[in-house]
């Protein structure tokens, strides 16, 4: 068996391997870079993450804008309820909030209740397409 080792006979399997200084075996085609497929997969994953983040950000901004409008409408409605309690009672009134809040308007409805001395006051603040905040309070007739 030892005589075949040094006889110069080579096996049919010939694979060339290069030994690098850090003692790893590498093939001649592996030069340490990424293949095009690996780069494309990485870019598609990054693009998917970015798109998901943008959609989520857009959704959250919509919620923030909606909540801001609801808070503004509630504050405007409460202020208007305070002002109308000082005025003479009428059945229905409509108006807007002037140039500071041009997109908001209000409606006031006074309705009788089952008690003769008590009236139901329904203040609606309207904006956008069919959006509204309703504030209900009760007043005693004078």
N, C-alpha and C. Protein backbone atom coordinates (compact mmCIF):
# COMPACT_ATOMS: atom_id res chain seq x y z
N UNK A 1 0.80 -1.18 0.00
CA UNK A 1 0.00 0.00 0.00
C UNK A 1 0.85 1.26 0.00
N UNK A 2 1.97 1.24 0.70
CA UNK A 2 2.83 2.41 0.74
C UNK A 2 3.45 2.69 -0.61
N UNK A 3 3.59 1.68 -1.42
CA UNK A 3 4.23 1.93 -2.70
C UNK A 3 3.33 2.71 -3.65
N UNK A 4 2.01 2.68 -3.48
CA UNK A 4 1.12 3.47 -4.33
C UNK A 4 1.09 4.92 -3.91
N UNK A 5 1.43 5.19 -2.67
CA UNK A 5 1.38 6.56 -2.18
C UNK A 5 2.39 7.43 -2.89
N UNK A 6 3.55 6.97 -3.07
CA UNK A 6 4.61 7.79 -3.65
C UNK A 6 4.85 7.49 -5.12
N UNK A 7 4.02 6.69 -5.73
CA UNK A 7 4.27 6.30 -7.11
C UNK A 7 3.84 7.34 -8.12
N UNK A 8 3.16 8.39 -7.70
CA UNK A 8 2.75 9.44 -8.61
C UNK A 8 1.40 9.17 -9.24
N UNK A 9 0.68 8.15 -8.81
CA UNK A 9 -0.65 7.85 -9.35
C UNK A 9 -1.65 8.77 -8.67
N UNK A 10 -2.42 9.41 -9.48
CA UNK A 10 -3.43 10.31 -8.93
C UNK A 10 -4.80 9.70 -9.09
N UNK A 11 -5.70 10.07 -8.21
CA UNK A 11 -7.07 9.56 -8.31
C UNK A 11 -7.82 10.34 -9.39
N UNK A 12 -8.93 9.83 -9.80
CA UNK A 12 -9.73 10.44 -10.85
C UNK A 12 -10.37 11.74 -10.35
N UNK A 13 -10.57 11.87 -9.10
CA UNK A 13 -11.21 13.05 -8.53
C UNK A 13 -10.17 14.14 -8.41
N UNK A 14 -10.32 15.20 -9.18
CA UNK A 14 -9.33 16.27 -9.08
C UNK A 14 -10.07 17.57 -8.75
N UNK A 15 -9.92 18.02 -7.54
CA UNK A 15 -10.51 19.27 -7.09
C UNK A 15 -9.39 20.13 -6.58
N UNK A 16 -9.34 21.31 -7.08
CA UNK A 16 -8.25 22.21 -6.70
C UNK A 16 -8.71 23.02 -5.50
N UNK A 17 -7.95 23.03 -4.46
CA UNK A 17 -8.24 23.82 -3.27
C UNK A 17 -7.03 24.67 -2.97
N UNK A 18 -7.32 25.89 -2.56
CA UNK A 18 -6.25 26.82 -2.24
C UNK A 18 -6.26 27.05 -0.75
N UNK A 19 -5.14 26.93 -0.13
CA UNK A 19 -5.04 27.15 1.30
C UNK A 19 -4.73 28.62 1.53
N UNK A 20 -5.58 29.27 2.31
CA UNK A 20 -5.41 30.69 2.60
C UNK A 20 -4.62 30.85 3.90
N UNK A 21 -4.14 32.06 4.16
CA UNK A 21 -3.35 32.27 5.38
C UNK A 21 -4.10 31.93 6.66
N UNK A 22 -5.41 32.10 6.68
CA UNK A 22 -6.13 31.75 7.91
C UNK A 22 -6.60 30.31 7.88
N UNK A 23 -5.96 29.50 7.16
CA UNK A 23 -6.10 28.05 7.07
C UNK A 23 -7.50 27.56 6.75
N UNK A 24 -8.24 28.27 5.90
CA UNK A 24 -9.52 27.78 5.42
C UNK A 24 -9.33 27.37 3.97
N UNK A 25 -9.96 26.29 3.59
CA UNK A 25 -9.87 25.84 2.21
C UNK A 25 -10.95 26.55 1.39
N UNK A 26 -10.57 27.09 0.25
CA UNK A 26 -11.51 27.81 -0.59
C UNK A 26 -11.35 27.33 -2.02
N UNK A 27 -12.44 27.41 -2.74
CA UNK A 27 -12.37 27.09 -4.15
C UNK A 27 -11.94 28.33 -4.91
N UNK A 28 -11.45 28.20 -6.12
CA UNK A 28 -10.97 29.38 -6.86
C UNK A 28 -12.06 30.42 -7.14
N UNK A 29 -13.35 30.01 -7.16
CA UNK A 29 -14.43 30.93 -7.50
C UNK A 29 -14.95 31.69 -6.28
N UNK A 30 -14.62 31.32 -5.09
CA UNK A 30 -15.14 32.02 -3.92
C UNK A 30 -14.14 33.09 -3.50
N UNK A 31 -14.47 34.32 -3.87
CA UNK A 31 -13.55 35.41 -3.56
C UNK A 31 -14.06 36.30 -2.43
N UNK A 32 -15.03 35.86 -1.66
CA UNK A 32 -15.48 36.60 -0.48
C UNK A 32 -16.64 37.53 -0.73
N UNK A 33 -17.16 37.67 -1.91
CA UNK A 33 -18.28 38.58 -2.19
C UNK A 33 -19.61 37.85 -2.11
N UNK A 34 -20.68 38.63 -2.32
CA UNK A 34 -22.02 38.05 -2.32
C UNK A 34 -22.44 37.79 -3.76
N UNK A 35 -23.26 36.78 -3.94
CA UNK A 35 -23.78 36.51 -5.28
C UNK A 35 -24.93 37.48 -5.56
N UNK A 36 -25.28 37.61 -6.81
CA UNK A 36 -26.37 38.50 -7.20
C UNK A 36 -27.68 38.06 -6.55
N UNK A 37 -27.91 36.79 -6.47
CA UNK A 37 -29.13 36.28 -5.85
C UNK A 37 -29.21 36.67 -4.38
N UNK A 38 -28.12 36.56 -3.67
CA UNK A 38 -28.10 36.93 -2.25
C UNK A 38 -28.39 38.42 -2.07
N UNK A 39 -27.82 39.25 -2.93
CA UNK A 39 -28.05 40.69 -2.85
C UNK A 39 -29.51 41.01 -3.17
N UNK A 40 -30.07 40.37 -4.17
CA UNK A 40 -31.47 40.61 -4.53
C UNK A 40 -32.42 40.19 -3.42
N UNK A 41 -32.16 39.07 -2.79
CA UNK A 41 -32.99 38.62 -1.67
C UNK A 41 -32.91 39.59 -0.51
N UNK A 42 -31.71 40.05 -0.19
CA UNK A 42 -31.54 41.01 0.90
C UNK A 42 -32.27 42.31 0.59
N UNK A 43 -32.16 42.81 -0.65
CA UNK A 43 -32.85 44.03 -1.02
C UNK A 43 -34.36 43.88 -0.99
N UNK A 44 -34.87 42.73 -1.38
CA UNK A 44 -36.32 42.52 -1.34
C UNK A 44 -36.82 42.45 0.10
N UNK A 45 -36.06 41.89 1.00
CA UNK A 45 -36.45 41.87 2.42
C UNK A 45 -36.45 43.29 2.98
N UNK A 46 -35.42 44.05 2.67
CA UNK A 46 -35.35 45.44 3.15
C UNK A 46 -36.50 46.25 2.57
N UNK A 47 -36.81 46.08 1.29
CA UNK A 47 -37.92 46.80 0.66
C UNK A 47 -39.25 46.44 1.32
N UNK A 48 -39.44 45.17 1.63
CA UNK A 48 -40.67 44.74 2.31
C UNK A 48 -40.82 45.37 3.68
N UNK A 49 -39.73 45.45 4.41
CA UNK A 49 -39.76 46.06 5.74
C UNK A 49 -40.06 47.56 5.63
N UNK A 50 -39.44 48.23 4.67
CA UNK A 50 -39.68 49.67 4.49
C UNK A 50 -41.12 49.94 4.10
N UNK A 51 -41.67 49.16 3.20
CA UNK A 51 -43.07 49.34 2.80
C UNK A 51 -43.99 49.11 3.98
N UNK A 52 -43.74 48.09 4.77
CA UNK A 52 -44.56 47.82 5.94
C UNK A 52 -44.50 48.99 6.93
N UNK A 53 -43.33 49.54 7.14
CA UNK A 53 -43.19 50.68 8.05
C UNK A 53 -43.92 51.90 7.52
N UNK A 54 -43.85 52.17 6.23
CA UNK A 54 -44.53 53.33 5.66
C UNK A 54 -46.05 53.19 5.75
N UNK A 55 -46.56 52.00 5.50
CA UNK A 55 -48.01 51.78 5.62
C UNK A 55 -48.44 51.96 7.07
N UNK A 56 -47.67 51.44 8.00
CA UNK A 56 -47.99 51.59 9.42
C UNK A 56 -47.93 53.05 9.84
N UNK A 57 -46.94 53.79 9.38
CA UNK A 57 -46.82 55.20 9.72
C UNK A 57 -48.00 55.99 9.17
N UNK A 58 -48.40 55.72 7.94
CA UNK A 58 -49.54 56.40 7.34
C UNK A 58 -50.82 56.12 8.12
N UNK A 59 -51.02 54.89 8.53
CA UNK A 59 -52.20 54.50 9.32
C UNK A 59 -52.20 55.24 10.66
N UNK A 60 -51.05 55.28 11.33
CA UNK A 60 -50.96 55.95 12.62
C UNK A 60 -51.20 57.45 12.49
N UNK A 61 -50.70 58.08 11.42
CA UNK A 61 -50.94 59.50 11.21
C UNK A 61 -52.43 59.77 10.97
N UNK A 62 -53.12 58.89 10.30
CA UNK A 62 -54.57 59.02 10.12
C UNK A 62 -55.31 58.97 11.44
N UNK A 63 -54.90 58.07 12.31
CA UNK A 63 -55.52 57.96 13.63
C UNK A 63 -55.26 59.22 14.45
N UNK A 64 -54.04 59.73 14.39
CA UNK A 64 -53.69 60.95 15.14
C UNK A 64 -54.53 62.13 14.64
N UNK A 65 -54.68 62.27 13.33
CA UNK A 65 -55.49 63.36 12.78
C UNK A 65 -56.95 63.23 13.19
N UNK A 66 -57.47 62.03 13.17
CA UNK A 66 -58.85 61.79 13.58
C UNK A 66 -59.04 62.16 15.05
N UNK A 67 -58.13 61.72 15.91
CA UNK A 67 -58.23 62.03 17.34
C UNK A 67 -58.11 63.52 17.59
N UNK A 68 -57.24 64.20 16.85
CA UNK A 68 -57.09 65.65 16.99
C UNK A 68 -58.40 66.36 16.66
N UNK A 69 -59.06 65.95 15.57
CA UNK A 69 -60.33 66.56 15.19
C UNK A 69 -61.41 66.31 16.25
N UNK A 70 -61.43 65.12 16.82
CA UNK A 70 -62.42 64.81 17.85
C UNK A 70 -62.20 65.66 19.09
N UNK A 71 -60.95 65.83 19.49
CA UNK A 71 -60.64 66.65 20.67
C UNK A 71 -61.02 68.11 20.41
N UNK A 72 -60.67 68.63 19.24
CA UNK A 72 -61.01 70.02 18.91
C UNK A 72 -62.53 70.20 18.90
N UNK A 73 -63.25 69.26 18.29
CA UNK A 73 -64.70 69.36 18.22
C UNK A 73 -65.32 69.30 19.61
N UNK A 74 -64.79 68.46 20.48
CA UNK A 74 -65.32 68.35 21.84
C UNK A 74 -65.11 69.65 22.62
N UNK A 75 -63.93 70.22 22.51
CA UNK A 75 -63.65 71.48 23.22
C UNK A 75 -64.53 72.61 22.68
N UNK A 76 -64.66 72.70 21.35
CA UNK A 76 -65.51 73.73 20.76
C UNK A 76 -66.96 73.55 21.19
N UNK A 77 -67.42 72.31 21.22
CA UNK A 77 -68.80 72.04 21.63
C UNK A 77 -69.05 72.40 23.09
N UNK A 78 -68.12 72.06 23.97
CA UNK A 78 -68.29 72.41 25.39
C UNK A 78 -68.28 73.92 25.59
N UNK A 79 -67.42 74.63 24.87
CA UNK A 79 -67.42 76.09 24.96
C UNK A 79 -68.74 76.68 24.47
N UNK A 80 -69.27 76.11 23.39
CA UNK A 80 -70.54 76.61 22.85
C UNK A 80 -71.70 76.30 23.79
N UNK A 81 -71.67 75.16 24.46
CA UNK A 81 -72.73 74.83 25.44
C UNK A 81 -72.70 75.86 26.56
N UNK A 82 -71.51 76.22 27.03
CA UNK A 82 -71.40 77.23 28.07
C UNK A 82 -71.94 78.57 27.63
N UNK A 83 -71.71 78.94 26.37
CA UNK A 83 -72.22 80.22 25.87
C UNK A 83 -73.73 80.20 25.69
N UNK A 84 -74.29 79.09 25.22
CA UNK A 84 -75.74 79.03 24.96
C UNK A 84 -76.55 78.98 26.24
N UNK A 85 -75.97 78.55 27.34
CA UNK A 85 -76.72 78.54 28.59
C UNK A 85 -77.01 79.96 29.06
N UNK A 86 -76.21 80.91 28.63
CA UNK A 86 -76.42 82.31 29.01
C UNK A 86 -77.43 82.99 28.11
N UNK A 87 -77.70 82.43 26.92
CA UNK A 87 -78.62 83.03 25.97
C UNK A 87 -80.05 82.59 26.25
N UNK A 88 -80.97 83.26 25.61
CA UNK A 88 -82.39 82.88 25.73
C UNK A 88 -82.61 81.55 25.04
N UNK A 89 -83.43 80.69 25.61
CA UNK A 89 -83.64 79.37 25.01
C UNK A 89 -84.45 79.45 23.71
N UNK A 90 -83.96 78.77 22.70
CA UNK A 90 -84.69 78.60 21.44
C UNK A 90 -84.63 77.12 21.09
N UNK A 91 -85.49 76.72 20.19
CA UNK A 91 -85.59 75.29 19.87
C UNK A 91 -84.39 74.80 19.04
N UNK A 92 -84.00 75.56 18.02
CA UNK A 92 -82.91 75.11 17.15
C UNK A 92 -82.04 76.30 16.78
N UNK A 93 -80.75 76.07 16.76
CA UNK A 93 -79.79 77.07 16.31
C UNK A 93 -78.70 76.37 15.51
N UNK A 94 -78.12 77.12 14.57
CA UNK A 94 -76.99 76.61 13.79
C UNK A 94 -75.97 77.72 13.66
N UNK A 95 -74.72 77.32 13.46
CA UNK A 95 -73.68 78.33 13.26
C UNK A 95 -72.35 77.69 12.99
N UNK A 96 -71.34 78.54 12.92
CA UNK A 96 -69.97 78.05 12.73
C UNK A 96 -69.07 78.69 13.78
N UNK A 97 -67.83 78.35 13.76
CA UNK A 97 -66.88 78.83 14.76
C UNK A 97 -65.95 79.91 14.22
N UNK A 98 -66.34 80.52 13.13
CA UNK A 98 -65.58 81.65 12.59
C UNK A 98 -64.36 81.22 11.81
N UNK A 99 -63.48 82.17 11.64
CA UNK A 99 -62.31 81.94 10.78
C UNK A 99 -61.24 81.09 11.46
N UNK A 100 -61.31 80.96 12.78
CA UNK A 100 -60.30 80.12 13.47
C UNK A 100 -60.47 78.64 13.16
N UNK A 101 -61.73 78.22 13.07
CA UNK A 101 -62.03 76.80 12.79
C UNK A 101 -63.09 76.73 11.68
N UNK A 102 -62.71 77.03 10.46
CA UNK A 102 -63.71 77.09 9.38
C UNK A 102 -64.30 75.74 9.01
N UNK A 103 -63.61 74.67 9.29
CA UNK A 103 -64.12 73.34 8.90
C UNK A 103 -65.16 72.80 9.87
N UNK A 104 -65.33 73.47 11.03
CA UNK A 104 -66.27 73.01 12.05
C UNK A 104 -67.51 73.90 12.06
N UNK A 105 -68.68 73.27 12.25
CA UNK A 105 -69.93 74.00 12.44
C UNK A 105 -70.68 73.34 13.59
N UNK A 106 -71.73 74.00 14.05
CA UNK A 106 -72.47 73.46 15.19
C UNK A 106 -73.97 73.55 14.97
N UNK A 107 -74.69 72.66 15.65
CA UNK A 107 -76.15 72.66 15.67
C UNK A 107 -76.59 72.45 17.11
N UNK A 108 -77.58 73.22 17.54
CA UNK A 108 -78.11 73.11 18.89
C UNK A 108 -79.59 72.78 18.80
N UNK A 109 -80.00 71.74 19.48
CA UNK A 109 -81.41 71.36 19.54
C UNK A 109 -81.84 71.32 20.99
N UNK A 110 -82.92 72.01 21.31
CA UNK A 110 -83.53 71.94 22.64
C UNK A 110 -84.81 71.15 22.52
N UNK A 111 -84.97 70.15 23.34
CA UNK A 111 -86.14 69.28 23.28
C UNK A 111 -86.76 69.18 24.67
N UNK A 112 -88.07 69.06 24.69
CA UNK A 112 -88.76 68.84 25.96
C UNK A 112 -88.51 67.41 26.42
N UNK A 113 -88.53 67.24 27.72
CA UNK A 113 -88.43 65.90 28.31
C UNK A 113 -89.77 65.57 28.94
N UNK A 114 -89.85 64.46 29.62
CA UNK A 114 -91.11 64.08 30.26
C UNK A 114 -91.39 64.94 31.50
N UNK A 115 -90.38 65.65 31.94
CA UNK A 115 -90.56 66.59 33.04
C UNK A 115 -90.74 67.99 32.46
N UNK A 116 -91.74 68.71 32.94
CA UNK A 116 -92.06 70.01 32.35
C UNK A 116 -90.97 71.05 32.57
N UNK A 117 -90.24 70.96 33.64
CA UNK A 117 -89.24 71.99 33.93
C UNK A 117 -87.85 71.65 33.39
N UNK A 118 -87.70 70.52 32.73
CA UNK A 118 -86.39 70.07 32.26
C UNK A 118 -86.35 70.01 30.74
N UNK A 119 -85.32 70.57 30.14
CA UNK A 119 -85.12 70.50 28.69
C UNK A 119 -83.81 69.76 28.39
N UNK A 120 -83.82 69.03 27.31
CA UNK A 120 -82.62 68.31 26.84
C UNK A 120 -81.93 69.17 25.79
N UNK A 121 -80.65 69.47 26.00
CA UNK A 121 -79.88 70.27 25.06
C UNK A 121 -78.88 69.35 24.36
N UNK A 122 -79.00 69.27 23.04
CA UNK A 122 -78.10 68.43 22.24
C UNK A 122 -77.26 69.34 21.34
N UNK A 123 -75.98 69.44 21.66
CA UNK A 123 -75.04 70.25 20.88
C UNK A 123 -74.24 69.31 19.98
N UNK A 124 -74.35 69.50 18.67
CA UNK A 124 -73.58 68.70 17.72
C UNK A 124 -72.55 69.60 17.05
N UNK A 125 -71.32 69.12 17.03
CA UNK A 125 -70.26 69.79 16.29
C UNK A 125 -69.97 68.92 15.06
N UNK A 126 -70.09 69.54 13.88
CA UNK A 126 -69.98 68.80 12.62
C UNK A 126 -68.73 69.23 11.87
N UNK A 127 -68.10 68.29 11.18
CA UNK A 127 -66.96 68.58 10.31
C UNK A 127 -66.79 67.43 9.33
N UNK A 128 -66.07 67.68 8.28
CA UNK A 128 -65.79 66.63 7.29
C UNK A 128 -67.06 66.12 6.64
N UNK A 129 -67.02 64.90 6.20
CA UNK A 129 -68.17 64.28 5.55
C UNK A 129 -68.91 63.42 6.56
N UNK A 130 -69.88 64.00 7.21
CA UNK A 130 -70.73 63.26 8.14
C UNK A 130 -70.11 62.96 9.49
N UNK A 131 -69.03 63.61 9.82
CA UNK A 131 -68.41 63.37 11.13
C UNK A 131 -68.98 64.36 12.13
N UNK A 132 -69.21 63.90 13.35
CA UNK A 132 -69.80 64.77 14.35
C UNK A 132 -69.48 64.28 15.76
N UNK A 133 -69.52 65.24 16.68
CA UNK A 133 -69.44 64.97 18.11
C UNK A 133 -70.69 65.55 18.72
N UNK A 134 -71.35 64.77 19.54
CA UNK A 134 -72.60 65.22 20.16
C UNK A 134 -72.39 65.33 21.67
N UNK A 135 -72.78 66.49 22.22
CA UNK A 135 -72.70 66.73 23.66
C UNK A 135 -74.12 66.96 24.15
N UNK A 136 -74.56 66.15 25.06
CA UNK A 136 -75.92 66.24 25.58
C UNK A 136 -75.86 66.73 27.03
N UNK A 137 -76.69 67.72 27.31
CA UNK A 137 -76.82 68.21 28.69
C UNK A 137 -78.29 68.55 28.92
N UNK A 138 -78.63 68.78 30.15
CA UNK A 138 -80.00 69.10 30.52
C UNK A 138 -80.03 70.44 31.22
N UNK A 139 -81.10 71.23 30.96
CA UNK A 139 -81.27 72.52 31.60
C UNK A 139 -82.66 72.62 32.20
N UNK A 140 -82.69 73.40 33.22
CA UNK A 140 -83.98 73.67 33.88
C UNK A 140 -84.56 74.92 33.26
N UNK A 141 -85.85 74.85 32.90
CA UNK A 141 -86.53 76.00 32.32
C UNK A 141 -86.64 77.10 33.36
N UNK A 142 -86.51 78.33 32.91
CA UNK A 142 -86.68 79.46 33.81
C UNK A 142 -87.94 80.20 33.52
